[in-house]
């Protein structure tokens, strides 16, 4: 999948990892991980709060 960076408007197929921090989601007040990724061209930061319940354990059969 390709999308355009909102800052430099270049096509991006992959972002660089910056950080992942445990937080309490501001919107729903549930445990979440704030994932921050960076454009490889201009260093624009993109972040999202991912609810902990969305993660699966890699050692379980139902893990994707």
Protein backbone atom coordinates (compact mmCIF):
# COMPACT_ATOMS: atom_id res chain seq x y z
CA UNK A 1 0.00 0.00 0.00
CA UNK A 2 1.28 3.47 -0.85
CA UNK A 3 0.22 6.77 0.68
CA UNK A 4 1.52 10.33 0.53
CA UNK A 5 3.27 12.02 3.44
CA UNK A 6 1.22 14.97 4.70
CA UNK A 7 4.38 17.09 4.99
CA UNK A 8 6.61 16.36 1.97
CA UNK A 9 3.90 14.73 -0.20
CA UNK A 10 6.25 11.94 -1.33
CA UNK A 11 4.94 8.40 -1.83
CA UNK A 12 5.59 6.19 1.20
CA UNK A 13 5.47 2.40 1.31
CA UNK A 14 7.11 1.99 4.74
CA UNK A 15 7.63 4.22 7.77
CA UNK A 16 10.57 4.15 10.22
CA UNK A 17 9.89 3.10 13.81
CA UNK A 18 10.37 5.86 16.39
CA UNK A 19 8.76 4.72 19.65
CA UNK A 20 6.09 2.65 21.40
CA UNK A 21 4.94 3.85 24.81
CA UNK A 22 2.31 2.39 27.18
CA UNK A 23 -0.42 5.00 27.77
CA UNK A 24 -4.00 5.36 28.92
CA UNK A 25 -5.97 6.16 25.78
CA UNK A 26 -7.37 9.68 26.05
CA UNK A 27 -10.46 8.96 23.98
CA UNK A 28 -11.69 5.72 25.58
CA UNK A 29 -9.66 5.64 28.84
CA UNK A 30 -8.31 2.13 28.19
CA UNK A 31 -4.72 0.80 28.24
CA UNK A 32 -3.06 1.38 24.88
CA UNK A 33 0.29 1.60 23.15
CA UNK A 34 1.12 4.92 21.50
CA UNK A 35 3.05 3.95 18.36
CA UNK A 36 5.02 6.72 16.65
CA UNK A 37 6.38 6.23 13.15
CA UNK A 38 8.42 8.63 10.99
CA UNK A 39 8.47 9.49 7.28
CA UNK A 40 11.79 8.26 5.83
CA UNK A 41 12.13 11.41 3.69
CA UNK A 42 11.23 14.40 5.87
CA UNK A 43 10.96 12.97 9.42
CA UNK A 44 7.27 13.90 9.79
CA UNK A 45 5.90 11.98 12.80
CA UNK A 46 2.74 9.87 12.63
CA UNK A 47 1.23 8.40 15.80
CA UNK A 48 -1.72 6.27 16.85
CA UNK A 49 -2.98 4.84 20.12
CA UNK A 50 -3.53 1.10 19.64
CA UNK A 51 -5.64 -0.58 22.36
CA UNK A 52 -3.73 -3.34 24.16
CA UNK A 53 -6.62 -5.73 23.48
CA UNK A 54 -5.79 -5.50 19.74
CA UNK A 55 -2.40 -7.18 20.26
CA UNK A 56 -2.05 -10.96 20.21
CA UNK A 57 0.61 -13.16 21.75
CA UNK A 58 2.97 -14.61 19.12
CA UNK A 59 3.09 -17.97 20.92
CA UNK A 60 -0.68 -18.56 20.59
CA UNK A 61 -2.34 -20.37 17.71
CA UNK A 62 -4.75 -17.50 17.02
CA UNK A 63 -1.89 -15.00 16.63
CA UNK A 64 -1.70 -13.51 13.18
